[in-house]
N, C-alpha and C. Protein backbone atom coordinates (compact mmCIF):
# COMPACT_ATOMS: atom_id res chain seq x y z
N MET A 1 -41.08 30.40 20.11
CA MET A 1 -40.16 29.33 19.78
C MET A 1 -40.05 28.34 20.94
N ARG A 2 -39.81 28.90 22.12
CA ARG A 2 -39.65 28.02 23.28
C ARG A 2 -40.93 27.24 23.59
N ALA A 3 -42.07 27.88 23.43
CA ALA A 3 -43.34 27.20 23.74
C ALA A 3 -43.55 26.00 22.82
N THR A 4 -43.24 26.15 21.55
CA THR A 4 -43.38 25.04 20.62
C THR A 4 -42.41 23.93 20.99
N ALA A 5 -41.17 24.29 21.28
CA ALA A 5 -40.17 23.28 21.66
C ALA A 5 -40.57 22.59 22.96
N ARG A 6 -41.00 23.37 23.93
CA ARG A 6 -41.35 22.83 25.24
C ARG A 6 -42.45 21.78 25.14
N CYS A 7 -43.44 22.02 24.30
CA CYS A 7 -44.56 21.08 24.20
C CYS A 7 -44.11 19.71 23.69
N LEU A 8 -42.95 19.65 23.06
CA LEU A 8 -42.43 18.38 22.56
C LEU A 8 -41.41 17.75 23.51
N LEU A 9 -40.89 18.52 24.44
CA LEU A 9 -39.78 18.04 25.27
C LEU A 9 -40.16 17.73 26.71
N LEU A 10 -41.33 18.12 27.14
CA LEU A 10 -41.75 17.81 28.51
C LEU A 10 -41.80 16.30 28.71
N ALA A 11 -41.43 15.85 29.89
CA ALA A 11 -41.41 14.41 30.17
C ALA A 11 -42.77 13.76 29.98
N ASP A 12 -43.83 14.48 30.31
CA ASP A 12 -45.18 13.92 30.18
C ASP A 12 -45.90 14.41 28.92
N ALA A 13 -45.14 14.91 27.96
CA ALA A 13 -45.74 15.44 26.73
C ALA A 13 -46.36 14.32 25.90
N GLU A 14 -47.51 14.62 25.36
CA GLU A 14 -48.15 13.69 24.43
C GLU A 14 -47.40 13.76 23.10
N PRO A 15 -47.17 12.63 22.45
CA PRO A 15 -46.53 12.71 21.14
C PRO A 15 -47.43 13.44 20.15
N PRO A 16 -46.83 14.13 19.20
CA PRO A 16 -47.66 14.84 18.22
C PRO A 16 -48.49 13.86 17.40
N LEU A 17 -49.63 14.34 16.99
CA LEU A 17 -50.48 13.53 16.12
C LEU A 17 -49.84 13.44 14.74
N PRO A 18 -50.05 12.35 14.05
CA PRO A 18 -49.43 12.21 12.72
C PRO A 18 -49.74 13.38 11.79
N GLN A 19 -50.95 13.91 11.84
CA GLN A 19 -51.32 15.00 10.94
C GLN A 19 -50.64 16.32 11.34
N ASP A 20 -50.12 16.41 12.57
CA ASP A 20 -49.44 17.63 13.02
C ASP A 20 -47.93 17.57 12.87
N LEU A 21 -47.40 16.40 12.61
CA LEU A 21 -45.95 16.21 12.60
C LEU A 21 -45.25 17.05 11.54
N GLU A 22 -45.77 17.09 10.34
CA GLU A 22 -45.13 17.87 9.28
C GLU A 22 -45.16 19.36 9.60
N THR A 23 -46.28 19.84 10.11
CA THR A 23 -46.39 21.25 10.46
C THR A 23 -45.39 21.62 11.55
N LEU A 24 -45.27 20.78 12.58
CA LEU A 24 -44.31 21.03 13.65
C LEU A 24 -42.88 21.01 13.13
N THR A 25 -42.59 20.06 12.26
CA THR A 25 -41.25 19.96 11.68
C THR A 25 -40.92 21.22 10.91
N LEU A 26 -41.82 21.67 10.07
CA LEU A 26 -41.58 22.88 9.28
C LEU A 26 -41.46 24.11 10.17
N ARG A 27 -42.28 24.21 11.20
CA ARG A 27 -42.23 25.35 12.10
C ARG A 27 -40.88 25.40 12.84
N LEU A 28 -40.45 24.26 13.37
CA LEU A 28 -39.17 24.22 14.09
C LEU A 28 -37.99 24.49 13.16
N ARG A 29 -38.05 23.95 11.96
CA ARG A 29 -36.98 24.24 10.99
C ARG A 29 -36.93 25.73 10.67
N GLY A 30 -38.09 26.35 10.53
CA GLY A 30 -38.15 27.79 10.28
C GLY A 30 -37.56 28.58 11.44
N TYR A 31 -37.90 28.18 12.67
CA TYR A 31 -37.32 28.85 13.84
C TYR A 31 -35.80 28.73 13.82
N MET A 32 -35.30 27.53 13.51
CA MET A 32 -33.86 27.33 13.49
C MET A 32 -33.20 28.19 12.41
N MET A 33 -33.82 28.26 11.26
CA MET A 33 -33.26 29.07 10.17
C MET A 33 -33.24 30.55 10.52
N GLN A 34 -34.19 31.00 11.34
CA GLN A 34 -34.19 32.38 11.80
C GLN A 34 -33.15 32.60 12.89
N ALA A 35 -33.05 31.66 13.81
CA ALA A 35 -32.21 31.84 14.99
C ALA A 35 -30.72 31.67 14.70
N ILE A 36 -30.37 30.75 13.83
CA ILE A 36 -28.96 30.46 13.59
C ILE A 36 -28.17 31.71 13.22
N PRO A 37 -28.56 32.48 12.21
CA PRO A 37 -27.73 33.65 11.87
C PRO A 37 -27.70 34.71 12.96
N VAL A 38 -28.77 34.85 13.72
CA VAL A 38 -28.81 35.84 14.80
C VAL A 38 -27.84 35.45 15.91
N VAL A 39 -27.91 34.18 16.34
CA VAL A 39 -27.02 33.70 17.39
C VAL A 39 -25.57 33.73 16.91
N GLU A 40 -25.36 33.34 15.67
CA GLU A 40 -24.00 33.32 15.13
C GLU A 40 -23.40 34.72 15.08
N SER A 41 -24.17 35.68 14.60
CA SER A 41 -23.68 37.06 14.54
C SER A 41 -23.33 37.58 15.92
N ALA A 42 -24.17 37.29 16.90
CA ALA A 42 -23.90 37.74 18.26
C ALA A 42 -22.67 37.03 18.83
N ALA A 43 -22.58 35.74 18.61
CA ALA A 43 -21.44 34.97 19.15
C ALA A 43 -20.12 35.43 18.56
N LEU A 44 -20.13 35.78 17.31
CA LEU A 44 -18.89 36.19 16.65
C LEU A 44 -18.37 37.54 17.13
N THR A 45 -19.18 38.28 17.87
CA THR A 45 -18.70 39.54 18.43
C THR A 45 -17.92 39.32 19.72
N TRP A 46 -18.02 38.14 20.28
CA TRP A 46 -17.31 37.82 21.52
C TRP A 46 -15.87 37.41 21.21
N PRO A 47 -14.97 37.52 22.17
CA PRO A 47 -13.58 37.12 21.94
C PRO A 47 -13.48 35.65 21.54
N GLU A 48 -12.50 35.34 20.70
CA GLU A 48 -12.36 33.98 20.18
C GLU A 48 -12.17 32.93 21.27
N ASP A 49 -11.56 33.29 22.37
CA ASP A 49 -11.30 32.32 23.44
C ASP A 49 -12.41 32.28 24.49
N ASP A 50 -13.54 32.90 24.21
CA ASP A 50 -14.64 32.97 25.16
C ASP A 50 -15.45 31.67 25.11
N VAL A 51 -15.73 31.10 26.27
CA VAL A 51 -16.46 29.84 26.35
C VAL A 51 -17.89 29.95 25.81
N PRO A 52 -18.67 30.98 26.18
CA PRO A 52 -20.02 31.08 25.61
C PRO A 52 -20.02 31.15 24.08
N ARG A 53 -19.02 31.82 23.51
CA ARG A 53 -18.91 31.88 22.05
C ARG A 53 -18.71 30.47 21.48
N ALA A 54 -17.77 29.73 22.05
CA ALA A 54 -17.49 28.37 21.57
C ALA A 54 -18.71 27.47 21.70
N CYS A 55 -19.42 27.58 22.82
CA CYS A 55 -20.61 26.76 23.02
C CYS A 55 -21.71 27.11 22.01
N ALA A 56 -21.90 28.40 21.79
CA ALA A 56 -22.93 28.84 20.83
C ALA A 56 -22.59 28.36 19.42
N LEU A 57 -21.32 28.47 19.03
CA LEU A 57 -20.93 28.04 17.69
C LEU A 57 -21.05 26.52 17.53
N ALA A 58 -20.77 25.77 18.59
CA ALA A 58 -20.96 24.31 18.54
C ALA A 58 -22.44 23.98 18.39
N CYS A 59 -23.29 24.69 19.11
CA CYS A 59 -24.73 24.49 19.01
C CYS A 59 -25.22 24.78 17.59
N ILE A 60 -24.69 25.84 17.00
CA ILE A 60 -25.06 26.20 15.63
C ILE A 60 -24.66 25.10 14.66
N GLY A 61 -23.47 24.55 14.84
CA GLY A 61 -23.02 23.45 13.98
C GLY A 61 -23.96 22.26 14.08
N GLU A 62 -24.35 21.92 15.29
CA GLU A 62 -25.27 20.80 15.47
C GLU A 62 -26.64 21.11 14.88
N ALA A 63 -27.12 22.33 15.05
CA ALA A 63 -28.42 22.72 14.48
C ALA A 63 -28.39 22.62 12.96
N ARG A 64 -27.31 23.08 12.36
CA ARG A 64 -27.20 22.98 10.89
C ARG A 64 -27.19 21.53 10.43
N MET A 65 -26.52 20.66 11.19
CA MET A 65 -26.50 19.24 10.86
C MET A 65 -27.91 18.67 10.95
N ARG A 66 -28.64 19.05 11.98
CA ARG A 66 -30.01 18.54 12.13
C ARG A 66 -30.93 19.03 11.03
N LEU A 67 -30.68 20.21 10.51
CA LEU A 67 -31.48 20.71 9.38
C LEU A 67 -31.27 19.87 8.13
N ARG A 68 -30.12 19.23 8.02
CA ARG A 68 -29.82 18.41 6.84
C ARG A 68 -30.37 16.98 6.95
N LEU A 69 -30.78 16.57 8.15
CA LEU A 69 -31.22 15.19 8.35
C LEU A 69 -32.61 14.94 7.75
N ASP A 70 -32.80 13.73 7.28
CA ASP A 70 -34.09 13.28 6.77
C ASP A 70 -35.00 12.97 7.96
N PRO A 71 -36.24 13.46 7.94
CA PRO A 71 -37.13 13.21 9.07
C PRO A 71 -37.60 11.76 9.20
N GLY A 72 -37.31 10.95 8.24
CA GLY A 72 -37.73 9.55 8.30
C GLY A 72 -39.06 9.34 7.60
N HIS A 73 -39.46 8.08 7.55
CA HIS A 73 -40.65 7.74 6.78
C HIS A 73 -41.71 7.03 7.61
N ASN A 74 -41.54 7.04 8.93
CA ASN A 74 -42.59 6.46 9.78
C ASN A 74 -42.78 7.36 10.99
N LEU A 75 -43.85 7.15 11.72
CA LEU A 75 -44.22 8.03 12.82
C LEU A 75 -43.17 8.07 13.94
N PRO A 76 -42.67 6.93 14.44
CA PRO A 76 -41.68 7.02 15.53
C PRO A 76 -40.41 7.77 15.13
N THR A 77 -39.93 7.55 13.92
CA THR A 77 -38.74 8.25 13.44
C THR A 77 -39.02 9.74 13.29
N GLY A 78 -40.18 10.08 12.79
CA GLY A 78 -40.57 11.49 12.63
C GLY A 78 -40.69 12.19 13.97
N ILE A 79 -41.20 11.50 14.96
CA ILE A 79 -41.33 12.09 16.30
C ILE A 79 -39.95 12.33 16.90
N ARG A 80 -39.06 11.35 16.79
CA ARG A 80 -37.70 11.55 17.31
C ARG A 80 -37.01 12.72 16.60
N HIS A 81 -37.23 12.82 15.30
CA HIS A 81 -36.63 13.92 14.53
C HIS A 81 -37.15 15.28 15.01
N VAL A 82 -38.44 15.41 15.17
CA VAL A 82 -39.02 16.68 15.59
C VAL A 82 -38.59 17.02 17.02
N GLN A 83 -38.39 16.01 17.86
CA GLN A 83 -37.89 16.27 19.22
C GLN A 83 -36.45 16.78 19.18
N ARG A 84 -35.65 16.24 18.29
CA ARG A 84 -34.27 16.73 18.15
C ARG A 84 -34.26 18.18 17.66
N LEU A 85 -35.14 18.49 16.71
CA LEU A 85 -35.25 19.87 16.25
C LEU A 85 -35.66 20.78 17.42
N ALA A 86 -36.59 20.30 18.23
CA ALA A 86 -37.04 21.09 19.39
C ALA A 86 -35.89 21.34 20.36
N ARG A 87 -35.04 20.33 20.57
CA ARG A 87 -33.88 20.53 21.45
C ARG A 87 -32.94 21.59 20.88
N SER A 88 -32.76 21.57 19.57
CA SER A 88 -31.90 22.58 18.95
C SER A 88 -32.50 23.97 19.07
N VAL A 89 -33.79 24.09 18.87
CA VAL A 89 -34.46 25.39 19.01
C VAL A 89 -34.28 25.90 20.43
N ASN A 90 -34.51 25.04 21.40
CA ASN A 90 -34.37 25.43 22.79
C ASN A 90 -32.93 25.87 23.10
N ALA A 91 -31.95 25.12 22.60
CA ALA A 91 -30.54 25.45 22.83
C ALA A 91 -30.18 26.77 22.15
N LEU A 92 -30.67 26.99 20.95
CA LEU A 92 -30.40 28.26 20.26
C LEU A 92 -30.98 29.43 21.05
N CYS A 93 -32.17 29.25 21.61
CA CYS A 93 -32.76 30.30 22.45
C CYS A 93 -31.89 30.56 23.68
N ASP A 94 -31.38 29.50 24.29
CA ASP A 94 -30.49 29.65 25.45
C ASP A 94 -29.24 30.44 25.06
N HIS A 95 -28.65 30.07 23.94
CA HIS A 95 -27.43 30.75 23.50
C HIS A 95 -27.70 32.19 23.09
N TYR A 96 -28.87 32.44 22.55
CA TYR A 96 -29.22 33.82 22.23
C TYR A 96 -29.24 34.66 23.49
N GLN A 97 -29.81 34.11 24.54
CA GLN A 97 -29.84 34.85 25.81
C GLN A 97 -28.44 35.06 26.36
N THR A 98 -27.55 34.09 26.16
CA THR A 98 -26.19 34.19 26.69
C THR A 98 -25.33 35.16 25.90
N VAL A 99 -25.36 35.06 24.57
CA VAL A 99 -24.46 35.88 23.76
C VAL A 99 -25.18 37.02 23.04
N GLY A 100 -26.50 37.03 23.11
CA GLY A 100 -27.25 38.04 22.37
C GLY A 100 -27.16 39.44 22.93
N GLY A 101 -26.92 39.53 24.22
CA GLY A 101 -26.80 40.86 24.82
C GLY A 101 -25.37 41.37 24.69
N GLU A 102 -25.17 42.53 25.22
CA GLU A 102 -23.82 43.09 25.21
C GLU A 102 -22.96 42.30 26.18
N HIS A 103 -21.74 42.01 25.74
CA HIS A 103 -20.85 41.27 26.64
C HIS A 103 -20.06 42.21 27.50
N ARG A 104 -19.52 41.65 28.56
CA ARG A 104 -18.81 42.42 29.57
C ARG A 104 -17.59 43.10 29.04
């Protein structure tokens, strides 16, 4: 998951080729659909007033919103969309590491 996201988010990353854009979009959306319930389940085991829980749940809300967005109908819009999905995947992975393990 992180490797796919990273290739789109590096400062010197080449933009995806038009023929690869749909595949990347679908792959990232699939990663998000897998990660959201796992991160959410883990976050909900933490106390309600816990900061990592609140951050993870906010990230999940944003990821769900991004899943509902239209990728656009031209290459620049599609690239920005796939980069946003990559940011969400990366953030979900971060939150999984934070709340996925046993809490103190």
